[in-house]
Amino acid sequence: MAIQLLNGLVYGALLFTVASGLALMFGLRRIVNFAHGSLYMLGAYIGYSASAVLGFWGGLIAAAICLALVGLLLDTVVFRPLQRRDPLTTLLVTFGLALIAEDLVLTIWGKDTLSFAAPSALAADWSLFGTSFPAYRVAMIGFGAIAALGLLLWLRLSRVGLFVRAASQDPVIAAVQGINTDRVSALVVAISASLAGVSGVVAAPLLSLAPNMAGDILVDSFIVVVVGGLGSIGGAFVTAIVLGQINVLGVVFMPELTSLLPFLLMIAVLVWKPAGLAGERV
C-alpha cells in the first residue's frame, strides 16, 4: 500500500506542474487553453532530441527555454489579439493549435513510440518501506514540491508576483497603477508554457513519448484546475495530490471505475462548492 501511495504522489506531482501552468494562465489571461497538453508534448519531444547531444539535464534546460519562447510567441500572436474576443473563439483557436502541434510532431518525429532514459544518477532503486522504489520517481515527487514552493514564493514574495496577483484581480486598475499588464501577461504565459514543457521532459522516462500523449494529461489537468478553483495555485496543488492518489488506488481497488473517478470527484466538489476548493484566485 505504501508503494501505491508513493506512486500516487509521483503522478500528483507531475499533474500539478502541468496544471499549475493552466491555473496561472487562466488566472491572468482568463484563457481556457486546449493547447496546453501540446506544450507538454512538445517539451517532451524537444527534450528527447536535445538530450541526444546535451544529455538529460541539457535536454531539460533546452525544453524549458524553447517552450518559454513558444509561450511568448503565443501570447504576442494569439492570446493578446484575441483578449477582447468571445472566449469561445479563443477556445476554438487553442483547439486548432493543439491539432497543428500534433501534426508537427508527426511530421518531425513520426508516429512511433519513443523511449527516453532517466539520468544515470537517478537510475538506481532505493529501499523504501521494505521494498525497492525507483530513485527517479522520488526525484519526480521532489520536482513537484520544488515547483509548488517556487511558484508560491514567487507569487507571494516577489515584486513581479505582486504584479501578477494584482493584474489577475483587476487588469484595468493594475494598468492604471502603472503595471505593464501586457508584459506581465507575456511573462506568465511564458512560465506556463515552460512548466508544461519541463513536465513533459520529467515525465518522459516514466511514460512513453507518443503523438497522443497531450490528450492523456490534458483532461486530468483541467479537472485539477476546475476542482482546485480557477486560477488558484494552492487549490491546484491539493487537488493534484488527491487526484494522483485516486488514479493510482482506483486501478488497484476499482479498476472498472478508474476512468470515471476523477469526473465523479469534480462533480461532487462543484455541487458542494461551485467555485472550486479555493475559489478564483492566484
Protein backbone atom coordinates (compact mmCIF):
# COMPACT_ATOMS: atom_id res chain seq x y z
CA MET A 1 0.00 0.00 0.00
CA ALA A 2 2.83 2.40 0.83
CA ILE A 3 4.29 1.96 -2.65
CA GLN A 4 0.92 2.69 -4.22
CA LEU A 5 0.66 5.88 -2.17
CA LEU A 6 4.13 6.90 -3.35
CA ASN A 7 3.12 6.24 -6.95
CA GLY A 8 0.08 8.44 -6.35
CA LEU A 9 2.40 11.20 -5.14
CA VAL A 10 4.53 10.78 -8.27
CA TYR A 11 1.56 11.24 -10.58
CA GLY A 12 0.14 14.01 -8.42
CA ALA A 13 3.43 15.93 -8.53
CA LEU A 14 3.59 15.61 -12.31
CA LEU A 15 -0.04 16.63 -12.64
CA PHE A 16 0.49 19.72 -10.51
CA THR A 17 3.41 21.02 -12.57
CA VAL A 18 1.33 20.73 -15.74
CA ALA A 19 -1.89 22.08 -14.21
CA SER A 20 -0.17 24.98 -12.43
CA GLY A 21 0.61 26.49 -15.83
CA LEU A 22 -3.07 26.24 -16.78
CA ALA A 23 -4.06 27.84 -13.47
CA LEU A 24 -1.59 30.71 -13.94
CA MET A 25 -2.76 31.36 -17.48
CA PHE A 26 -6.44 31.33 -16.61
CA GLY A 27 -5.88 33.46 -13.52
CA LEU A 28 -4.35 36.25 -15.59
CA ARG A 29 -5.47 35.80 -19.20
CA ARG A 30 -8.85 34.10 -18.48
CA ILE A 31 -7.99 31.65 -21.25
CA VAL A 32 -9.06 28.00 -21.37
CA ASN A 33 -6.01 26.76 -23.25
CA PHE A 34 -6.72 23.48 -25.04
CA ALA A 35 -3.19 23.58 -26.47
CA HIS A 36 -1.58 23.26 -23.03
CA GLY A 37 -1.24 19.50 -23.35
CA SER A 38 0.50 20.05 -26.68
CA LEU A 39 3.09 22.26 -24.95
CA TYR A 40 3.72 19.36 -22.57
CA MET A 41 4.13 17.05 -25.56
CA LEU A 42 6.43 19.44 -27.45
CA GLY A 43 8.60 19.81 -24.37
CA ALA A 44 9.00 16.05 -24.13
CA TYR A 45 9.99 15.70 -27.79
CA ILE A 46 12.33 18.70 -27.77
CA GLY A 47 13.98 17.37 -24.62
CA TYR A 48 14.30 13.95 -26.25
CA SER A 49 16.11 15.39 -29.28
CA ALA A 50 18.29 17.76 -27.26
CA SER A 51 19.27 15.02 -24.80
CA ALA A 52 20.94 13.09 -27.62
CA VAL A 53 23.55 15.88 -27.71
CA LEU A 54 23.33 17.57 -24.32
CA GLY A 55 22.27 14.72 -22.04
CA PHE A 56 19.13 14.58 -19.91
CA TRP A 57 19.75 17.79 -17.96
CA GLY A 58 20.72 19.67 -21.08
CA GLY A 59 17.52 18.45 -22.74
CA LEU A 60 15.54 19.65 -19.72
CA ILE A 61 17.03 23.14 -19.97
CA ALA A 62 16.58 23.23 -23.75
CA ALA A 63 12.90 22.30 -23.41
CA ALA A 64 12.36 24.97 -20.74
CA ILE A 65 13.90 27.69 -22.91
CA CYS A 66 12.22 26.61 -26.15
CA LEU A 67 8.78 26.36 -24.59
CA ALA A 68 9.18 29.73 -22.86
CA LEU A 69 9.86 31.23 -26.29
CA VAL A 70 6.83 29.41 -27.70
CA GLY A 71 4.76 30.87 -24.86
CA LEU A 72 5.95 34.39 -25.64
CA LEU A 73 5.08 33.84 -29.29
CA LEU A 74 1.62 32.52 -28.44
CA ASP A 75 0.88 35.46 -26.16
CA THR A 76 2.02 38.01 -28.74
CA VAL A 77 0.49 36.46 -31.84
CA VAL A 78 -2.59 34.65 -30.50
CA PHE A 79 -3.71 35.49 -26.97
CA ARG A 80 -3.18 39.25 -26.93
CA PRO A 81 -5.05 39.93 -30.21
CA LEU A 82 -7.91 37.71 -29.02
CA GLN A 83 -8.22 39.08 -25.48
CA ARG A 84 -11.34 41.11 -26.29
CA ARG A 85 -12.98 38.44 -28.41
CA ASP A 86 -15.59 35.90 -27.38
CA PRO A 87 -13.98 33.25 -25.07
CA LEU A 88 -15.38 30.56 -27.39
CA THR A 89 -13.25 31.99 -30.21
CA THR A 90 -10.09 31.68 -28.14
CA LEU A 91 -11.05 28.15 -27.08
CA LEU A 92 -11.50 27.08 -30.71
CA VAL A 93 -8.20 28.71 -31.69
CA THR A 94 -6.31 26.85 -28.96
CA PHE A 95 -8.00 23.61 -30.04
CA GLY A 96 -6.75 24.26 -33.57
CA LEU A 97 -3.25 24.93 -32.22
CA ALA A 98 -3.35 21.55 -30.48
CA LEU A 99 -4.13 19.83 -33.78
CA ILE A 100 -1.30 21.73 -35.50
CA ALA A 101 1.15 20.73 -32.76
CA GLU A 102 0.20 17.06 -33.11
CA ASP A 103 0.72 17.21 -36.89
CA LEU A 104 4.07 18.93 -36.31
CA VAL A 105 5.20 16.13 -34.02
CA LEU A 106 4.08 13.50 -36.51
CA THR A 107 5.99 15.27 -39.30
CA ILE A 108 9.25 15.69 -37.38
CA TRP A 109 9.40 12.66 -35.08
CA GLY A 110 6.93 10.25 -36.70
CA LYS A 111 4.19 8.19 -35.08
CA ASP A 112 6.42 5.56 -33.45
CA THR A 113 6.58 5.40 -29.67
CA LEU A 114 9.92 6.69 -28.37
CA SER A 115 11.71 5.97 -25.09
CA PHE A 116 13.63 8.48 -23.00
CA ALA A 117 16.17 7.16 -20.48
CA ALA A 118 16.34 8.63 -16.99
CA PRO A 119 19.63 10.29 -15.96
CA SER A 120 22.21 7.75 -14.81
CA ALA A 121 22.47 9.37 -11.38
CA LEU A 122 18.80 8.52 -10.75
CA ALA A 123 18.66 5.13 -12.45
CA ALA A 124 19.04 3.08 -9.25
CA ASP A 125 16.34 1.81 -6.91
CA TRP A 126 16.03 2.93 -3.29
CA SER A 127 14.75 0.82 -0.44
CA LEU A 128 11.57 2.36 0.95
CA PHE A 129 9.11 0.72 3.32
CA GLY A 130 10.80 -2.63 2.90
CA THR A 131 10.69 -2.71 -0.89
CA SER A 132 12.55 -1.12 -3.79
CA PHE A 133 11.32 2.11 -5.35
CA PRO A 134 12.93 3.86 -8.34
CA ALA A 135 15.04 6.85 -7.36
CA TYR A 136 13.78 8.74 -10.39
CA ARG A 137 10.20 8.58 -9.11
CA VAL A 138 11.33 10.01 -5.78
CA ALA A 139 13.02 12.81 -7.75
CA MET A 140 9.72 13.46 -9.56
CA ILE A 141 8.00 13.99 -6.21
CA GLY A 142 10.77 16.41 -5.26
CA PHE A 143 10.38 18.21 -8.59
CA GLY A 144 6.68 18.79 -7.95
CA ALA A 145 7.37 20.02 -4.42
CA ILE A 146 10.05 22.44 -5.65
CA ALA A 147 7.74 23.73 -8.40
CA ALA A 148 4.94 24.33 -5.87
CA LEU A 149 7.24 26.08 -3.38
CA GLY A 150 8.92 28.13 -6.10
CA LEU A 151 5.60 29.36 -7.52
CA LEU A 152 4.28 30.16 -4.05
CA LEU A 153 7.37 32.18 -3.08
CA TRP A 154 7.44 33.94 -6.45
CA LEU A 155 3.77 34.95 -6.29
CA ARG A 156 3.77 35.95 -2.62
CA LEU A 157 7.19 37.49 -2.04
CA SER A 158 8.45 38.95 -5.32
CA ARG A 159 7.52 42.31 -6.86
CA VAL A 160 6.63 40.64 -10.15
CA GLY A 161 4.46 38.13 -8.30
CA LEU A 162 2.61 41.05 -6.72
CA PHE A 163 2.03 42.48 -10.20
CA VAL A 164 0.72 39.09 -11.39
CA ARG A 165 -1.73 38.87 -8.49
CA ALA A 166 -2.87 42.46 -8.98
CA ALA A 167 -3.39 42.03 -12.72
CA SER A 168 -5.29 38.78 -12.17
CA GLN A 169 -7.74 40.55 -9.84
CA ASP A 170 -8.37 43.63 -11.99
CA PRO A 171 -6.15 44.26 -15.03
CA VAL A 172 -7.63 47.73 -15.68
CA ILE A 173 -6.92 49.05 -12.18
CA ALA A 174 -3.49 47.38 -12.27
CA ALA A 175 -2.70 49.19 -15.53
CA VAL A 176 -3.88 52.50 -14.03
CA GLN A 177 -1.44 51.92 -11.17
CA GLY A 178 1.42 51.72 -13.67
CA ILE A 179 1.74 47.96 -14.14
CA ASN A 180 2.51 46.91 -17.70
CA THR A 181 -0.15 44.21 -17.87
CA ASP A 182 0.82 43.09 -21.38
CA ARG A 183 4.38 42.43 -20.24
CA VAL A 184 3.19 40.65 -17.10
CA SER A 185 0.80 38.52 -19.17
CA ALA A 186 3.56 37.58 -21.61
CA LEU A 187 5.78 36.52 -18.70
CA VAL A 188 3.00 34.40 -17.18
CA VAL A 189 2.24 32.65 -20.48
CA ALA A 190 5.98 32.01 -20.99
CA ILE A 191 6.31 30.50 -17.50
CA SER A 192 3.14 28.47 -18.04
CA ALA A 193 4.44 27.03 -21.32
CA SER A 194 7.88 26.40 -19.82
CA LEU A 195 6.36 24.49 -16.89
CA ALA A 196 4.40 22.33 -19.31
CA GLY A 197 7.50 21.65 -21.42
CA VAL A 198 9.68 20.79 -18.43
CA SER A 199 6.92 18.49 -17.13
CA GLY A 200 6.97 16.66 -20.45
CA VAL A 201 10.70 16.01 -20.14
CA VAL A 202 10.37 14.91 -16.50
CA ALA A 203 7.53 12.54 -17.39
CA ALA A 204 9.26 11.11 -20.47
CA PRO A 205 11.43 8.47 -18.71
CA LEU A 206 8.33 7.22 -16.90
CA LEU A 207 5.86 7.42 -19.80
CA SER A 208 6.47 6.71 -23.48
CA LEU A 209 6.64 9.54 -25.98
CA ALA A 210 3.78 9.38 -28.47
CA PRO A 211 1.82 11.96 -30.51
CA ASN A 212 -1.30 11.29 -28.42
CA MET A 213 0.38 11.97 -25.07
CA ALA A 214 -1.04 15.51 -24.98
CA GLY A 215 -4.62 14.33 -24.50
CA ASP A 216 -3.66 11.89 -21.76
CA ILE A 217 -2.56 14.65 -19.37
CA LEU A 218 -4.82 17.48 -20.54
CA VAL A 219 -8.11 16.09 -19.21
CA ASP A 220 -6.71 15.44 -15.73
CA SER A 221 -5.07 18.89 -15.73
CA PHE A 222 -8.39 20.58 -16.48
CA ILE A 223 -10.03 18.61 -13.68
CA VAL A 224 -7.29 19.78 -11.29
CA VAL A 225 -7.79 23.43 -12.25
CA VAL A 226 -11.60 23.29 -12.07
CA VAL A 227 -11.76 21.38 -8.78
CA GLY A 228 -8.96 23.40 -7.16
CA GLY A 229 -10.51 26.71 -8.16
CA LEU A 230 -9.92 28.51 -11.44
CA GLY A 231 -6.63 30.36 -11.16
CA SER A 232 -5.69 29.02 -7.71
CA ILE A 233 -2.19 27.52 -7.38
CA GLY A 234 -2.82 26.25 -3.85
CA GLY A 235 -6.08 24.62 -4.86
CA ALA A 236 -4.39 23.05 -7.87
CA PHE A 237 -1.67 21.56 -5.65
CA VAL A 238 -4.11 19.95 -3.21
CA THR A 239 -6.34 18.64 -6.00
CA ALA A 240 -3.41 17.23 -7.99
CA ILE A 241 -2.16 15.24 -5.00
CA VAL A 242 -5.67 13.92 -4.29
CA LEU A 243 -6.28 13.08 -7.94
CA GLY A 244 -2.94 11.29 -8.16
CA GLN A 245 -3.96 9.04 -5.29
CA ILE A 246 -7.41 8.45 -6.79
CA ASN A 247 -5.94 7.39 -10.13
CA VAL A 248 -3.39 5.00 -8.63
CA LEU A 249 -5.56 3.49 -5.90
CA GLY A 250 -8.51 3.29 -8.28
CA VAL A 251 -6.53 0.94 -10.53
CA VAL A 252 -5.92 -1.33 -7.52
CA PHE A 253 -9.32 -1.32 -5.84
CA MET A 254 -11.84 -0.26 -8.51
CA PRO A 255 -10.25 -0.84 -11.92
CA GLU A 256 -13.59 -0.79 -13.73
CA LEU A 257 -14.33 2.73 -12.42
CA THR A 258 -10.85 4.25 -12.59
CA SER A 259 -11.55 6.42 -15.61
CA LEU A 260 -14.75 7.76 -14.01
CA LEU A 261 -13.40 8.57 -10.55
CA PRO A 262 -11.78 11.94 -11.46
CA PHE A 263 -15.04 13.11 -13.04
CA LEU A 264 -17.05 11.94 -10.03
CA LEU A 265 -14.69 13.94 -7.80
CA MET A 266 -15.20 17.02 -9.98
CA ILE A 267 -18.98 16.66 -9.92
CA ALA A 268 -19.04 16.20 -6.14
CA VAL A 269 -16.83 19.23 -5.45
CA LEU A 270 -18.66 21.52 -7.89
CA VAL A 271 -22.05 20.58 -6.45
CA TRP A 272 -20.73 21.34 -2.97
CA LYS A 273 -18.65 24.39 -3.90
CA PRO A 274 -19.16 25.65 -7.48
CA ALA A 275 -16.11 27.98 -7.38
CA GLY A 276 -13.80 25.06 -6.53
CA LEU A 277 -11.91 24.32 -3.34
CA ALA A 278 -10.04 27.64 -3.21
CA GLY A 279 -12.22 29.83 -5.40
CA GLU A 280 -10.98 32.03 -8.23
CA ARG A 281 -7.62 33.40 -7.09
CA VAL A 282 -3.91 33.07 -7.85
